[in-house]
Amino acid sequence: MKWWKKWILSGVGMLSLGLGESMRECRRFRVTHYDPKITKKHPPGASRNSCPCGTGGLRPVKYTQRASYNSYSCGTSRVHPISEPNRQNENRIVFLSDLHNRVYGSQNDILLKEIRQVNPQLILIGGDMLIGKKNVSPELALQFIRRLPEIAPVYYALGNHEQRLKSSIEKYGDVMYYYKKKLAAAGVHFLENESADVSLPGINLRITGLALPLDSYEKRKRITVTCRDIRKMAGPADKTRYQILLAHNPAFVPAYQEWGADLVLCGHLHGGVLRIPGWRGVVTPQATFFPKYSGEMTVEDNTAVIVSKGLGTHTVNLRVFNPAEVIVIHL
């Protein structure tokens, strides 16, 4: 066989392998556990600046990643639980992002069951749970999210798809108004450049939802978001509480860090579509290759940054070595 035929056959084989893997990844999700370890509590009233650790008594000094793979295909499940008796009394926060109307099982019952098994004290949503396109109904996302407050309090920050629907009423109609009204009636708290104070056993949280301008998501544009911009939009960080920032786009992590977030939760990139195992995602929606933050946890300068790989896809239904995920944060 000639060498060029071998190259063609090898290419076809690799493509078939990639497409097969992609089909499997698009039908399953995993549960990823992150632990931004919190230590060194200081007396009440001590500010971030007056504390030796610089975080008002709460400092992420260590983290671990534990992945429990849950394969769901045709409504069946295989669960590999993590047994850690010493973690019985810790706080668990579920972080969901980029569902894009995806359904796991009948009415997302499989996804809901997995979240219930985590038994979280809080559920945070990072945006893009629906698809912001003309004539695409939000009902699938709506039916799922409206059941989450039965499990735990829910706080929802907007992604670019929600922002698109909200900002172009003449094009999309009142879809976003209807969506928010129904979810608010079910007990979901929307944070649009707003904050909420939440107290969990042993830790006081400030949760801020950042609604980034739509042009910060545009392709082939290099829009800069600075710390000053964030302060104008959402106000200053709370230096007396553990500050969580829900910011859909991870492109501006340095600004989030400078603003004063202790924990940043992002999504948007769908894990980079294709991931190089053990390293990074390959491409962002803005056509940036090998983004630094795409589907992992990193700790830099006393800020933990967690980027979800998301739960769904849209337009390009492709995932390679990149399963969808539910994130569980242990505090």
C-alpha atoms as a PDB file:
ATOM      1  CA  MET A   1       0.000   0.000   0.000  1.00  0.00           C
ATOM      2  CA  LYS A   2       1.309   3.427  -0.912  1.00  0.00           C
ATOM      3  CA  TRP A   3       2.286   5.774   1.889  1.00  0.00           C
ATOM      4  CA  TRP A   4      -0.383   8.364   1.066  1.00  0.00           C
ATOM      5  CA  LYS A   5      -3.107   5.721   1.288  1.00  0.00           C
ATOM      6  CA  LYS A   6      -1.848   4.758   4.725  1.00  0.00           C
ATOM      7  CA  TRP A   7      -2.011   8.387   5.812  1.00  0.00           C
ATOM      8  CA  ILE A   8      -5.583   8.690   4.517  1.00  0.00           C
ATOM      9  CA  LEU A   9      -6.685   5.483   6.262  1.00  0.00           C
ATOM     10  CA  SER A  10      -5.015   6.597   9.490  1.00  0.00           C
ATOM     11  CA  GLY A  11      -6.774   9.973   9.261  1.00  0.00           C
ATOM     12  CA  VAL A  12     -10.145   8.332   8.680  1.00  0.00           C
ATOM     13  CA  GLY A  13      -9.540   6.032  11.641  1.00  0.00           C
ATOM     14  CA  MET A  14      -8.639   8.925  13.943  1.00  0.00           C
ATOM     15  CA  LEU A  15     -11.677  10.891  12.772  1.00  0.00           C
ATOM     16  CA  SER A  16     -13.980   7.929  13.417  1.00  0.00           C
ATOM     17  CA  LEU A  17     -12.470   7.484  16.881  1.00  0.00           C
ATOM     18  CA  GLY A  18     -12.968  11.175  17.662  1.00  0.00           C
ATOM     19  CA  LEU A  19     -16.576  11.199  16.438  1.00  0.00           C
ATOM     20  CA  GLY A  20     -17.361   8.063  18.423  1.00  0.00           C
ATOM     21  CA  GLU A  21     -15.874   9.585  21.554  1.00  0.00           C
ATOM     22  CA  SER A  22     -17.801  12.798  20.923  1.00  0.00           C
ATOM     23  CA  MET A  23     -21.112  10.931  20.659  1.00  0.00           C
ATOM     24  CA  ARG A  24     -20.438   9.230  23.992  1.00  0.00           C
ATOM     25  CA  GLU A  25     -19.368  12.460  25.712  1.00  0.00           C
ATOM     26  CA  CYS A  26     -22.514  14.285  24.562  1.00  0.00           C
ATOM     27  CA  ARG A  27     -24.742  11.635  26.189  1.00  0.00           C
ATOM     28  CA  ARG A  28     -23.208  11.568  29.664  1.00  0.00           C
ATOM     29  CA  PHE A  29     -22.048  13.769  32.463  1.00  0.00           C
ATOM     30  CA  ARG A  30     -19.763  13.393  35.417  1.00  0.00           C
ATOM     31  CA  VAL A  31     -19.698  14.857  38.912  1.00  0.00           C
ATOM     32  CA  THR A  32     -16.469  16.706  39.681  1.00  0.00           C
ATOM     33  CA  HIS A  33     -15.639  17.593  43.287  1.00  0.00           C
ATOM     34  CA  TYR A  34     -13.431  20.573  44.134  1.00  0.00           C
ATOM     35  CA  ASP A  35     -12.161  21.558  47.550  1.00  0.00           C
ATOM     36  CA  PRO A  36     -10.793  25.101  47.924  1.00  0.00           C
ATOM     37  CA  LYS A  37      -9.650  24.430  51.489  1.00  0.00           C
ATOM     38  CA  ILE A  38     -10.713  27.163  53.914  1.00  0.00           C
ATOM     39  CA  THR A  39      -8.655  27.734  57.046  1.00  0.00           C
ATOM     40  CA  LYS A  40      -7.516  30.412  59.507  1.00  0.00           C
ATOM     41  CA  LYS A  41     -10.700  31.939  60.820  1.00  0.00           C
ATOM     42  CA  HIS A  42     -10.182  35.292  62.505  1.00  0.00           C
ATOM     43  CA  PRO A  43     -12.291  37.121  65.096  1.00  0.00           C
ATOM     44  CA  PRO A  44     -15.476  38.811  63.872  1.00  0.00           C
ATOM     45  CA  GLY A  45     -14.879  42.307  62.592  1.00  0.00           C
ATOM     46  CA  ALA A  46     -11.366  41.628  61.271  1.00  0.00           C
ATOM     47  CA  SER A  47     -11.080  42.947  57.735  1.00  0.00           C
ATOM     48  CA  ARG A  48      -9.320  41.312  54.825  1.00  0.00           C
ATOM     49  CA  ASN A  49      -6.578  43.930  54.935  1.00  0.00           C
ATOM     50  CA  SER A  50      -5.995  43.592  58.689  1.00  0.00           C
ATOM     51  CA  CYS A  51      -5.718  39.795  58.619  1.00  0.00           C
ATOM     52  CA  PRO A  52      -2.298  38.204  58.058  1.00  0.00           C
ATOM     53  CA  CYS A  53      -3.806  35.924  55.411  1.00  0.00           C
ATOM     54  CA  GLY A  54      -5.358  38.884  53.594  1.00  0.00           C
ATOM     55  CA  THR A  55      -8.807  37.318  53.155  1.00  0.00           C
ATOM     56  CA  GLY A  56     -10.720  38.283  56.278  1.00  0.00           C
ATOM     57  CA  GLY A  57     -10.138  34.908  57.905  1.00  0.00           C
ATOM     58  CA  LEU A  58     -10.925  32.737  54.892  1.00  0.00           C
ATOM     59  CA  ARG A  59      -8.102  31.636  52.658  1.00  0.00           C
ATOM     60  CA  PRO A  60      -8.028  28.920  49.974  1.00  0.00           C
ATOM     61  CA  VAL A  61      -4.702  27.268  50.774  1.00  0.00           C
ATOM     62  CA  LYS A  62      -5.165  23.850  49.232  1.00  0.00           C
ATOM     63  CA  TYR A  63      -7.435  22.109  46.805  1.00  0.00           C
ATOM     64  CA  THR A  64      -8.148  18.605  45.610  1.00  0.00           C
ATOM     65  CA  GLN A  65      -9.999  17.376  42.569  1.00  0.00           C
ATOM     66  CA  ARG A  66     -12.080  14.248  42.824  1.00  0.00           C
ATOM     67  CA  ALA A  67     -14.012  13.077  39.779  1.00  0.00           C
ATOM     68  CA  SER A  68     -16.907  10.637  39.970  1.00  0.00           C
ATOM     69  CA  TYR A  69     -17.834   9.559  36.448  1.00  0.00           C
ATOM     70  CA  ASN A  70     -21.512   8.935  35.902  1.00  0.00           C
ATOM     71  CA  SER A  71     -22.351   7.535  32.470  1.00  0.00           C
ATOM     72  CA  TYR A  72     -25.949   7.981  31.390  1.00  0.00           C
ATOM     73  CA  SER A  73     -27.098   6.425  28.172  1.00  0.00           C
ATOM     74  CA  CYS A  74     -30.705   5.520  27.355  1.00  0.00           C
ATOM     75  CA  GLY A  75     -31.742   6.350  30.890  1.00  0.00           C
ATOM     76  CA  THR A  76     -29.357   3.984  32.657  1.00  0.00           C
ATOM     77  CA  SER A  77     -26.787   5.060  35.223  1.00  0.00           C
ATOM     78  CA  ARG A  78     -23.585   3.812  36.734  1.00  0.00           C
ATOM     79  CA  VAL A  79     -22.457   5.632  39.860  1.00  0.00           C
ATOM     80  CA  HIS A  80     -19.091   5.379  41.577  1.00  0.00           C
ATOM     81  CA  PRO A  81     -19.561   7.021  44.988  1.00  0.00           C
ATOM     82  CA  ILE A  82     -16.723   8.651  46.918  1.00  0.00           C
ATOM     83  CA  SER A  83     -16.606   7.500  50.517  1.00  0.00           C
ATOM     84  CA  GLU A  84     -15.061  10.084  52.842  1.00  0.00           C
ATOM     85  CA  PRO A  85     -16.589   9.851  56.335  1.00  0.00           C
ATOM     86  CA  ASN A  86     -14.638  12.847  57.635  1.00  0.00           C
ATOM     87  CA  ARG A  87     -16.494  15.124  55.194  1.00  0.00           C
ATOM     88  CA  GLN A  88     -19.952  14.422  56.576  1.00  0.00           C
ATOM     89  CA  ASN A  89     -20.404  17.867  58.150  1.00  0.00           C
ATOM     90  CA  GLU A  90     -18.909  20.101  55.479  1.00  0.00           C
ATOM     91  CA  ASN A  91     -20.882  22.453  53.255  1.00  0.00           C
ATOM     92  CA  ARG A  92     -21.567  21.357  49.690  1.00  0.00           C
ATOM     93  CA  ILE A  93     -22.389  23.778  46.882  1.00  0.00           C
ATOM     94  CA  VAL A  94     -23.537  22.523  43.485  1.00  0.00           C
ATOM     95  CA  PHE A  95     -22.443  24.652  40.518  1.00  0.00           C
ATOM     96  CA  LEU A  96     -24.297  24.256  37.202  1.00  0.00           C
ATOM     97  CA  SER A  97     -23.553  25.995  33.922  1.00  0.00           C
ATOM     98  CA  ASP A  98     -24.231  25.815  30.171  1.00  0.00           C
ATOM     99  CA  LEU A  99     -27.064  23.305  30.134  1.00  0.00           C
ATOM    100  CA  HIS A 100     -28.359  24.711  26.816  1.00  0.00           C
ATOM    101  CA  ASN A 101     -31.686  22.849  27.092  1.00  0.00           C
ATOM    102  CA  ARG A 102     -29.931  19.477  27.388  1.00  0.00           C
ATOM    103  CA  VAL A 103     -32.072  16.730  28.939  1.00  0.00           C
ATOM    104  CA  TYR A 104     -30.704  13.709  30.810  1.00  0.00           C
ATOM    105  CA  GLY A 105     -33.494  11.191  31.163  1.00  0.00           C
ATOM    106  CA  SER A 106     -37.180  12.070  31.250  1.00  0.00           C
ATOM    107  CA  GLN A 107     -37.495  15.769  32.243  1.00  0.00           C
ATOM    108  CA  ASN A 108     -33.902  15.704  33.491  1.00  0.00           C
ATOM    109  CA  ASP A 109     -34.812  13.263  36.264  1.00  0.00           C
ATOM    110  CA  ILE A 110     -31.365  11.663  36.098  1.00  0.00           C
ATOM    111  CA  LEU A 111     -29.641  15.004  36.596  1.00  0.00           C
ATOM    112  CA  LEU A 112     -31.990  15.947  39.432  1.00  0.00           C
ATOM    113  CA  LYS A 113     -31.428  12.604  41.133  1.00  0.00           C
ATOM    114  CA  GLU A 114     -27.667  13.116  41.064  1.00  0.00           C
ATOM    115  CA  ILE A 115     -27.975  16.604  42.541  1.00  0.00           C
ATOM    116  CA  ARG A 116     -30.261  15.328  45.298  1.00  0.00           C
ATOM    117  CA  GLN A 117     -27.733  12.640  46.184  1.00  0.00           C
ATOM    118  CA  VAL A 118     -25.111  15.345  46.737  1.00  0.00           C
ATOM    119  CA  ASN A 119     -27.493  16.941  49.293  1.00  0.00           C
ATOM    120  CA  PRO A 120     -26.160  20.479  48.724  1.00  0.00           C
ATOM    121  CA  GLN A 121     -26.742  23.445  51.007  1.00  0.00           C
ATOM    122  CA  LEU A 122     -26.684  25.784  48.009  1.00  0.00           C
ATOM    123  CA  ILE A 123     -27.065  25.628  44.222  1.00  0.00           C
ATOM    124  CA  LEU A 124     -25.333  28.237  42.037  1.00  0.00           C
ATOM    125  CA  ILE A 125     -26.005  28.668  38.322  1.00  0.00           C
ATOM    126  CA  GLY A 126     -23.457  30.308  36.049  1.00  0.00           C
ATOM    127  CA  GLY A 127     -25.631  31.055  33.022  1.00  0.00           C
ATOM    128  CA  ASP A 128     -26.478  29.726  29.548  1.00  0.00           C
ATOM    129  CA  MET A 129     -29.017  27.203  30.769  1.00  0.00           C
ATOM    130  CA  LEU A 130     -31.180  27.853  27.700  1.00  0.00           C
ATOM    131  CA  ILE A 131     -30.387  28.626  24.059  1.00  0.00           C
ATOM    132  CA  GLY A 132     -30.622  32.271  23.040  1.00  0.00           C
ATOM    133  CA  LYS A 133     -31.855  31.831  19.482  1.00  0.00           C
ATOM    134  CA  LYS A 134     -34.997  32.847  17.680  1.00  0.00           C
ATOM    135  CA  ASN A 135     -37.902  30.377  17.911  1.00  0.00           C
ATOM    136  CA  VAL A 136     -36.086  28.176  20.457  1.00  0.00           C
ATOM    137  CA  SER A 137     -38.256  27.575  23.514  1.00  0.00           C
ATOM    138  CA  PRO A 138     -36.759  27.857  27.028  1.00  0.00           C
ATOM    139  CA  GLU A 139     -39.204  25.270  28.403  1.00  0.00           C
ATOM    140  CA  LEU A 140     -36.685  22.432  28.774  1.00  0.00           C
ATOM    141  CA  ALA A 141     -34.388  24.551  30.930  1.00  0.00           C
ATOM    142  CA  LEU A 142     -37.350  26.065  32.750  1.00  0.00           C
ATOM    143  CA  GLN A 143     -38.830  22.690  33.687  1.00  0.00           C
ATOM    144  CA  PHE A 144     -35.499  21.590  35.147  1.00  0.00           C
ATOM    145  CA  ILE A 145     -34.477  24.733  37.042  1.00  0.00           C
ATOM    146  CA  ARG A 146     -37.876  25.361  38.623  1.00  0.00           C
ATOM    147  CA  ARG A 147     -37.456  22.043  40.518  1.00  0.00           C
ATOM    148  CA  LEU A 148     -34.059  22.944  41.990  1.00  0.00           C
ATOM    149  CA  PRO A 149     -35.359  25.128  44.881  1.00  0.00           C
ATOM    150  CA  GLU A 150     -36.975  21.974  46.269  1.00  0.00           C
ATOM    151  CA  ILE A 151     -33.405  20.762  46.915  1.00  0.00           C
ATOM    152  CA  ALA A 152     -31.603  23.925  48.088  1.00  0.00           C
ATOM    153  CA  PRO A 153     -31.622  27.731  47.659  1.00  0.00           C
ATOM    154  CA  VAL A 154     -30.757  28.668  44.069  1.00  0.00           C
ATOM    155  CA  TYR A 155     -28.846  31.748  42.849  1.00  0.00           C
ATOM    156  CA  TYR A 156     -28.633  32.368  39.104  1.00  0.00           C
ATOM    157  CA  ALA A 157     -26.231  34.663  37.209  1.00  0.00           C
ATOM    158  CA  LEU A 158     -26.726  35.369  33.512  1.00  0.00           C
ATOM    159  CA  GLY A 159     -24.634  34.051  30.639  1.00  0.00           C
ATOM    160  CA  ASN A 160     -24.405  35.465  27.135  1.00  0.00           C
ATOM    161  CA  HIS A 161     -27.477  33.534  25.948  1.00  0.00           C
ATOM    162  CA  GLU A 162     -29.689  35.050  28.664  1.00  0.00           C
ATOM    163  CA  GLN A 163     -28.127  38.460  28.035  1.00  0.00           C
ATOM    164  CA  ARG A 164     -28.865  38.154  24.315  1.00  0.00           C
ATOM    165  CA  LEU A 165     -32.540  37.380  24.922  1.00  0.00           C
ATOM    166  CA  LYS A 166     -32.823  40.194  27.431  1.00  0.00           C
ATOM    167  CA  SER A 167     -31.177  42.852  25.280  1.00  0.00           C
ATOM    168  CA  SER A 168     -32.996  42.153  21.980  1.00  0.00           C
ATOM    169  CA  ILE A 169     -36.693  42.106  22.817  1.00  0.00           C
ATOM    170  CA  GLU A 170     -37.595  43.262  19.316  1.00  0.00           C
ATOM    171  CA  LYS A 171     -35.920  40.136  17.904  1.00  0.00           C
ATOM    172  CA  TYR A 172     -36.659  37.493  20.544  1.00  0.00           C
ATOM    173  CA  GLY A 173     -39.826  38.855  22.133  1.00  0.00           C
ATOM    174  CA  ASP A 174     -40.506  38.580  25.863  1.00  0.00           C
ATOM    175  CA  VAL A 175     -38.890  35.136  26.244  1.00  0.00           C
ATOM    176  CA  MET A 176     -36.486  36.274  28.961  1.00  0.00           C
ATOM    177  CA  TYR A 177     -39.215  38.113  30.881  1.00  0.00           C
ATOM    178  CA  TYR A 178     -41.392  34.990  30.846  1.00  0.00           C
ATOM    179  CA  TYR A 179     -38.435  32.772  31.812  1.00  0.00           C
ATOM    180  CA  LYS A 180     -37.379  34.937  34.757  1.00  0.00           C
ATOM    181  CA  LYS A 181     -40.940  35.405  35.974  1.00  0.00           C
ATOM    182  CA  LYS A 182     -41.601  31.668  36.083  1.00  0.00           C
ATOM    183  CA  LEU A 183     -38.292  30.860  37.810  1.00  0.00           C
ATOM    184  CA  ALA A 184     -38.616  33.683  40.330  1.00  0.00           C
ATOM    185  CA  ALA A 185     -42.081  32.370  41.220  1.00  0.00           C
ATOM    186  CA  ALA A 186     -40.471  28.954  41.830  1.00  0.00           C
ATOM    187  CA  GLY A 187     -37.967  30.517  44.260  1.00  0.00           C
ATOM    188  CA  VAL A 188     -34.902  31.107  42.045  1.00  0.00           C
ATOM    189  CA  HIS A 189     -32.891  34.236  42.940  1.00  0.00           C
ATOM    190  CA  PHE A 190     -31.435  36.081  39.939  1.00  0.00           C
ATOM    191  CA  LEU A 191     -28.252  38.097  40.480  1.00  0.00           C
ATOM    192  CA  GLU A 192     -27.736  40.654  37.702  1.00  0.00           C
ATOM    193  CA  ASN A 193     -24.852  42.780  38.921  1.00  0.00           C
ATOM    194  CA  GLU A 194     -26.280  42.177  42.372  1.00  0.00           C
ATOM    195  CA  SER A 195     -25.136  40.387  45.514  1.00  0.00           C
ATOM    196  CA  ALA A 196     -26.713  38.225  48.179  1.00  0.00           C
ATOM    197  CA  ASP A 197     -25.423  37.367  51.639  1.00  0.00           C
ATOM    198  CA  VAL A 198     -25.785  33.708  52.606  1.00  0.00           C
ATOM    199  CA  SER A 199     -24.731  32.083  55.857  1.00  0.00           C
ATOM    200  CA  LEU A 200     -23.796  28.403  55.935  1.00  0.00           C
ATOM    201  CA  PRO A 201     -22.543  26.516  59.004  1.00  0.00           C
ATOM    202  CA  GLY A 202     -19.118  27.923  59.828  1.00  0.00           C
ATOM    203  CA  ILE A 203     -18.883  30.334  56.901  1.00  0.00           C
ATOM    204  CA  ASN A 204     -20.534  33.576  55.753  1.00  0.00           C
ATOM    205  CA  LEU A 205     -20.761  34.071  51.995  1.00  0.00           C
ATOM    206  CA  ARG A 206     -21.277  37.034  49.706  1.00  0.00           C
ATOM    207  CA  ILE A 207     -22.463  35.813  46.295  1.00  0.00           C
ATOM    208  CA  THR A 208     -22.189  38.308  43.442  1.00  0.00           C
ATOM    209  CA  GLY A 209     -23.583  37.694  39.971  1.00  0.00           C
ATOM    210  CA  LEU A 210     -21.779  39.613  37.228  1.00  0.00           C
ATOM    211  CA  ALA A 211     -23.781  40.389  34.081  1.00  0.00           C
ATOM    212  CA  LEU A 212     -21.040  41.033  31.551  1.00  0.00           C
ATOM    213  CA  PRO A 213     -21.871  43.233  28.545  1.00  0.00           C
ATOM    214  CA  LEU A 214     -22.674  41.333  25.374  1.00  0.00           C
ATOM    215  CA  ASP A 215     -19.736  42.812  23.466  1.00  0.00           C
ATOM    216  CA  SER A 216     -17.370  41.035  25.868  1.00  0.00           C
ATOM    217  CA  TYR A 217     -18.453  37.781  24.181  1.00  0.00           C
ATOM    218  CA  GLU A 218     -18.090  38.915  20.579  1.00  0.00           C
ATOM    219  CA  LYS A 219     -15.903  36.931  18.207  1.00  0.00           C
ATOM    220  CA  ARG A 220     -12.821  38.601  16.747  1.00  0.00           C
ATOM    221  CA  LYS A 221     -13.115  41.460  19.233  1.00  0.00           C
ATOM    222  CA  ARG A 222     -10.720  42.035  22.094  1.00  0.00           C
ATOM    223  CA  ILE A 223     -12.889  43.776  24.670  1.00  0.00           C
ATOM    224  CA  THR A 224     -11.184  44.372  27.983  1.00  0.00           C
ATOM    225  CA  VAL A 225     -13.001  44.096  31.313  1.00  0.00           C
ATOM    226  CA  THR A 226     -11.113  45.647  34.226  1.00  0.00           C
ATOM    227  CA  CYS A 227     -11.464  45.625  37.977  1.00  0.00           C
ATOM    228  CA  ARG A 228     -12.819  49.163  37.745  1.00  0.00           C
ATOM    229  CA  ASP A 229     -15.498  48.014  35.282  1.00  0.00           C
ATOM    230  CA  ILE A 230     -16.600  45.290  37.676  1.00  0.00           C
ATOM    231  CA  ARG A 231     -16.868  47.766  40.554  1.00  0.00           C
ATOM    232  CA  LYS A 232     -19.031  50.029  38.386  1.00  0.00           C
ATOM    233  CA  MET A 233     -21.309  47.147  37.409  1.00  0.00           C
ATOM    234  CA  ALA A 234     -21.576  45.136  40.615  1.00  0.00           C
ATOM    235  CA  GLY A 235     -20.043  47.279  43.355  1.00  0.00           C
ATOM    236  CA  PRO A 236     -17.026  46.433  45.523  1.00  0.00           C
ATOM    237  CA  ALA A 237     -16.164  42.994  46.855  1.00  0.00           C
ATOM    238  CA  ASP A 238     -17.076  42.204  50.453  1.00  0.00           C
ATOM    239  CA  LYS A 239     -13.850  41.891  52.417  1.00  0.00           C
ATOM    240  CA  THR A 240     -15.513  40.598  55.588  1.00  0.00           C
ATOM    241  CA  ARG A 241     -17.154  37.542  53.968  1.00  0.00           C
ATOM    242  CA  TYR A 242     -16.031  34.753  51.680  1.00  0.00           C
ATOM    243  CA  GLN A 243     -16.643  36.430  48.329  1.00  0.00           C
ATOM    244  CA  ILE A 244     -17.964  34.244  45.504  1.00  0.00           C
ATOM    245  CA  LEU A 245     -18.165  35.777  42.034  1.00  0.00           C
ATOM    246  CA  LEU A 246     -20.378  34.196  39.365  1.00  0.00           C
ATOM    247  CA  ALA A 247     -18.897  35.468  36.094  1.00  0.00           C
ATOM    248  CA  HIS A 248     -19.829  33.496  32.989  1.00  0.00           C
ATOM    249  CA  ASN A 249     -16.802  34.357  30.845  1.00  0.00           C
ATOM    250  CA  PRO A 250     -13.379  33.219  32.192  1.00  0.00           C
ATOM    251  CA  ALA A 251     -11.513  35.503  29.786  1.00  0.00           C
ATOM    252  CA  PHE A 252     -11.205  38.186  32.461  1.00  0.00           C
ATOM    253  CA  VAL A 253      -9.939  36.197  35.445  1.00  0.00           C
ATOM    254  CA  PRO A 254      -7.152  38.714  36.296  1.00  0.00           C
ATOM    255  CA  ALA A 255      -9.807  41.420  36.740  1.00  0.00           C
ATOM    256  CA  TYR A 256     -11.911  39.113  38.915  1.00  0.00           C
ATOM    257  CA  GLN A 257      -8.881  38.438  41.099  1.00  0.00           C
ATOM    258  CA  GLU A 258      -8.008  42.113  41.409  1.00  0.00           C
ATOM    259  CA  TRP A 259     -11.625  42.908  42.278  1.00  0.00           C
ATOM    260  CA  GLY A 260     -11.284  40.725  45.369  1.00  0.00           C
ATOM    261  CA  ALA A 261     -13.038  37.423  44.700  1.00  0.00           C
ATOM    262  CA  ASP A 262     -12.067  34.503  46.920  1.00  0.00           C
ATOM    263  CA  LEU A 263     -13.792  32.036  44.598  1.00  0.00           C
ATOM    264  CA  VAL A 264     -14.612  32.683  40.917  1.00  0.00           C
ATOM    265  CA  LEU A 265     -17.100  30.422  39.119  1.00  0.00           C
ATOM    266  CA  CYS A 266     -17.187  30.526  35.305  1.00  0.00           C
ATOM    267  CA  GLY A 267     -18.413  28.493  32.339  1.00  0.00           C
ATOM    268  CA  HIS A 268     -18.996  29.521  28.709  1.00  0.00           C
ATOM    269  CA  LEU A 269     -16.168  27.560  27.041  1.00  0.00           C
ATOM    270  CA  HIS A 270     -17.759  24.082  27.186  1.00  0.00           C
ATOM    271  CA  GLY A 271     -14.390  22.727  28.272  1.00  0.00           C
ATOM    272  CA  GLY A 272     -12.718  23.937  25.077  1.00  0.00           C
ATOM    273  CA  VAL A 273     -14.783  21.468  22.958  1.00  0.00           C
ATOM    274  CA  LEU A 274     -11.856  19.071  22.593  1.00  0.00           C
ATOM    275  CA  ARG A 275      -9.520  18.606  25.551  1.00  0.00           C
ATOM    276  CA  ILE A 276      -5.966  17.428  25.566  1.00  0.00           C
ATOM    277  CA  PRO A 277      -6.020  14.931  28.455  1.00  0.00           C
ATOM    278  CA  GLY A 278      -4.165  16.246  31.471  1.00  0.00           C
ATOM    279  CA  TRP A 279      -3.770  19.721  30.007  1.00  0.00           C
ATOM    280  CA  ARG A 280      -6.208  22.197  28.469  1.00  0.00           C
ATOM    281  CA  GLY A 281      -9.147  22.719  26.185  1.00  0.00           C
ATOM    282  CA  VAL A 282      -8.349  23.499  22.563  1.00  0.00           C
ATOM    283  CA  VAL A 283     -10.553  26.408  21.463  1.00  0.00           C
ATOM    284  CA  THR A 284     -12.972  29.022  22.839  1.00  0.00           C
ATOM    285  CA  PRO A 285     -16.132  30.446  21.229  1.00  0.00           C
ATOM    286  CA  GLN A 286     -14.038  33.542  20.471  1.00  0.00           C
ATOM    287  CA  ALA A 287     -11.615  31.332  18.486  1.00  0.00           C
ATOM    288  CA  THR A 288      -8.804  31.637  21.036  1.00  0.00           C
ATOM    289  CA  PHE A 289      -6.683  28.505  21.136  1.00  0.00           C
ATOM    290  CA  PHE A 290      -5.591  26.710  24.322  1.00  0.00           C
ATOM    291  CA  PRO A 291      -7.227  29.074  26.849  1.00  0.00           C
ATOM    292  CA  LYS A 292      -5.576  29.109  30.273  1.00  0.00           C
ATOM    293  CA  TYR A 293      -8.910  28.589  32.052  1.00  0.00           C
ATOM    294  CA  SER A 294     -11.282  26.214  30.298  1.00  0.00           C
ATOM    295  CA  GLY A 295     -12.479  23.404  32.574  1.00  0.00           C
ATOM    296  CA  GLU A 296     -10.496  22.979  35.778  1.00  0.00           C
ATOM    297  CA  MET A 297      -9.662  24.556  39.125  1.00  0.00           C
ATOM    298  CA  THR A 298      -6.648  26.758  39.707  1.00  0.00           C
ATOM    299  CA  VAL A 299      -5.570  28.738  42.761  1.00  0.00           C
ATOM    300  CA  GLU A 300      -3.636  31.941  42.186  1.00  0.00           C
ATOM    301  CA  ASP A 301      -2.995  34.880  44.527  1.00  0.00           C
ATOM    302  CA  ASN A 302      -5.466  33.622  47.146  1.00  0.00           C
ATOM    303  CA  THR A 303      -8.227  33.258  44.552  1.00  0.00           C
ATOM    304  CA  ALA A 304      -9.651  29.887  43.527  1.00  0.00           C
ATOM    305  CA  VAL A 305     -10.966  29.835  39.940  1.00  0.00           C
ATOM    306  CA  ILE A 306     -13.313  27.031  38.883  1.00  0.00           C
ATOM    307  CA  VAL A 307     -14.422  26.795  35.249  1.00  0.00           C
ATOM    308  CA  SER A 308     -17.207  24.365  34.451  1.00  0.00           C
ATOM    309  CA  LYS A 309     -17.109  22.300  31.272  1.00  0.00           C
ATOM    310  CA  GLY A 310     -20.860  22.769  31.165  1.00  0.00           C
ATOM    311  CA  LEU A 311     -23.740  20.338  30.850  1.00  0.00           C
ATOM    312  CA  GLY A 312     -24.779  20.783  27.232  1.00  0.00           C
ATOM    313  CA  THR A 313     -23.823  22.015  23.783  1.00  0.00           C
ATOM    314  CA  HIS A 314     -25.403  24.096  21.057  1.00  0.00           C
ATOM    315  CA  THR A 315     -24.753  24.695  17.355  1.00  0.00           C
ATOM    316  CA  VAL A 316     -21.618  22.484  17.383  1.00  0.00           C
ATOM    317  CA  ASN A 317     -22.617  19.370  19.291  1.00  0.00           C
ATOM    318  CA  LEU A 318     -19.101  18.140  19.840  1.00  0.00           C
ATOM    319  CA  ARG A 319     -17.168  16.996  22.908  1.00  0.00           C
ATOM    320  CA  VAL A 320     -13.946  14.995  22.706  1.00  0.00           C
ATOM    321  CA  PHE A 321     -12.260  13.779  25.920  1.00  0.00           C
ATOM    322  CA  ASN A 322     -14.485  16.399  27.497  1.00  0.00           C
ATOM    323  CA  PRO A 323     -17.545  15.031  29.336  1.00  0.00           C
ATOM    324  CA  ALA A 324     -20.194  17.387  30.609  1.00  0.00           C
ATOM    325  CA  GLU A 325     -20.169  17.910  34.356  1.00  0.00           C
ATOM    326  CA  VAL A 326     -21.926  18.866  37.544  1.00  0.00           C
ATOM    327  CA  ILE A 327     -19.492  20.545  39.939  1.00  0.00           C
ATOM    328  CA  VAL A 328     -19.625  20.059  43.698  1.00  0.00           C
ATOM    329  CA  ILE A 329     -17.659  22.555  45.802  1.00  0.00           C
ATOM    330  CA  HIS A 330     -16.730  21.529  49.341  1.00  0.00           C
ATOM    331  CA  LEU A 331     -16.329  24.353  51.851  1.00  0.00           C
END
